[in-house]
Protein backbone atom coordinates (compact mmCIF):
# COMPACT_ATOMS: atom_id res chain seq x y z
CA MET A 1 8.33 -87.44 -33.80
CA GLU A 2 9.77 -90.74 -32.69
CA TYR A 3 13.46 -91.44 -32.97
CA ASP A 4 14.74 -94.84 -33.83
CA HIS A 5 17.43 -96.49 -31.77
CA GLU A 6 20.29 -95.53 -34.12
CA THR A 7 19.33 -91.85 -33.98
CA GLN A 8 19.25 -91.95 -30.19
CA VAL A 9 22.68 -93.56 -30.06
CA ILE A 10 24.14 -91.02 -32.50
CA ASN A 11 22.64 -88.13 -30.51
CA PHE A 12 24.02 -89.53 -27.26
CA ILE A 13 27.52 -90.04 -28.69
CA SER A 14 27.48 -86.57 -30.26
CA GLY A 15 26.54 -85.02 -26.94
CA LEU A 16 29.16 -87.05 -25.13
CA LEU A 17 31.88 -85.98 -27.58
CA LEU A 18 30.80 -82.34 -27.42
CA GLY A 19 30.94 -82.44 -23.62
CA ALA A 20 34.38 -84.03 -23.72
CA VAL A 21 35.66 -81.36 -26.11
CA ILE A 22 34.27 -78.55 -23.98
CA GLY A 23 35.68 -80.14 -20.82
CA ALA A 24 39.09 -80.58 -22.41
CA GLY A 25 39.07 -76.95 -23.57
CA VAL A 26 38.21 -75.69 -20.10
CA ALA A 27 40.90 -77.92 -18.57
CA LEU A 28 43.50 -76.59 -21.00
CA LEU A 29 42.54 -73.00 -20.37
CA THR A 30 42.68 -73.35 -16.60
CA ALA A 31 45.91 -75.37 -16.52
CA PRO A 32 48.87 -73.64 -14.88
CA GLN A 33 51.09 -73.35 -17.97
CA LEU A 34 52.60 -70.61 -20.01
CA GLY A 35 50.29 -68.99 -22.53
CA HIS A 36 52.17 -70.09 -25.64
CA ARG A 37 52.23 -73.72 -24.45
CA THR A 38 48.51 -73.65 -23.75
CA ARG A 39 47.77 -72.12 -27.15
CA ARG A 40 49.95 -74.74 -28.84
CA ARG A 41 48.15 -77.56 -27.02
CA ILE A 42 44.75 -76.08 -27.91
CA LYS A 43 45.76 -75.79 -31.56
CA LYS A 44 47.08 -79.36 -31.65
CA THR A 45 43.94 -80.70 -29.96
CA ALA A 46 41.67 -78.70 -32.28
CA LEU A 47 43.47 -80.06 -35.35
CA THR A 48 43.16 -83.61 -34.03
CA ILE A 49 39.46 -83.16 -33.32
CA ARG A 50 38.91 -81.60 -36.74
CA ASP A 51 40.63 -84.50 -38.48
CA SER A 52 38.64 -87.01 -36.45
CA ALA A 53 35.37 -85.20 -37.14
CA THR A 54 36.17 -85.06 -40.85
CA ASP A 55 36.84 -88.80 -40.93
CA ARG A 56 33.62 -89.53 -39.04
CA TRP A 57 31.64 -87.20 -41.30
CA ASP A 58 33.02 -88.96 -44.40
CA ASP A 59 32.11 -92.35 -42.91
CA LEU A 60 28.59 -91.14 -42.13
CA ALA A 61 28.20 -89.70 -45.63
CA ASP A 62 29.28 -93.03 -47.16
CA GLU A 63 26.83 -94.91 -44.95
CA VAL A 64 23.96 -92.59 -45.83
CA LYS A 65 24.83 -92.79 -49.53
CA GLY A 66 24.76 -96.58 -49.33
CA LYS A 67 21.35 -96.58 -47.65
CA VAL A 68 19.96 -94.10 -50.19
CA ASP A 69 21.30 -96.21 -53.06
CA ASP A 70 19.70 -99.32 -51.52
CA ALA A 71 16.39 -97.49 -51.15
CA ILE A 72 16.51 -96.27 -54.76
CA ASP A 73 17.30 -99.78 -56.00
CA GLY A 74 14.43 -101.20 -53.95
CA ALA A 75 12.03 -98.59 -55.29
CA ARG A 76 13.11 -99.26 -58.89
CA LYS A 77 12.54 -103.00 -58.42
CA ARG A 78 9.06 -102.40 -56.99
CA PHE A 79 8.00 -100.02 -59.75
CA ALA A 80 9.61 -102.05 -62.55
CA SER A 81 7.59 -105.15 -61.66
């Protein structure tokens, strides 16, 4: 199965973000701080990442919905003629 350019870019960015999140988590866990401070930082970072991921997911859903609507409109025009 061939991937188009957009799919490749999305896969690359997803992998990059996942690696950054894992790296940040490891860095936080190995940092020389008190346990409660580390847990607080992890929680704050996780909430920020969750909010960012939610926003990106909503944007992607809107984009996909727009493309599906365009495809449906195009199909209706072709079959109506």
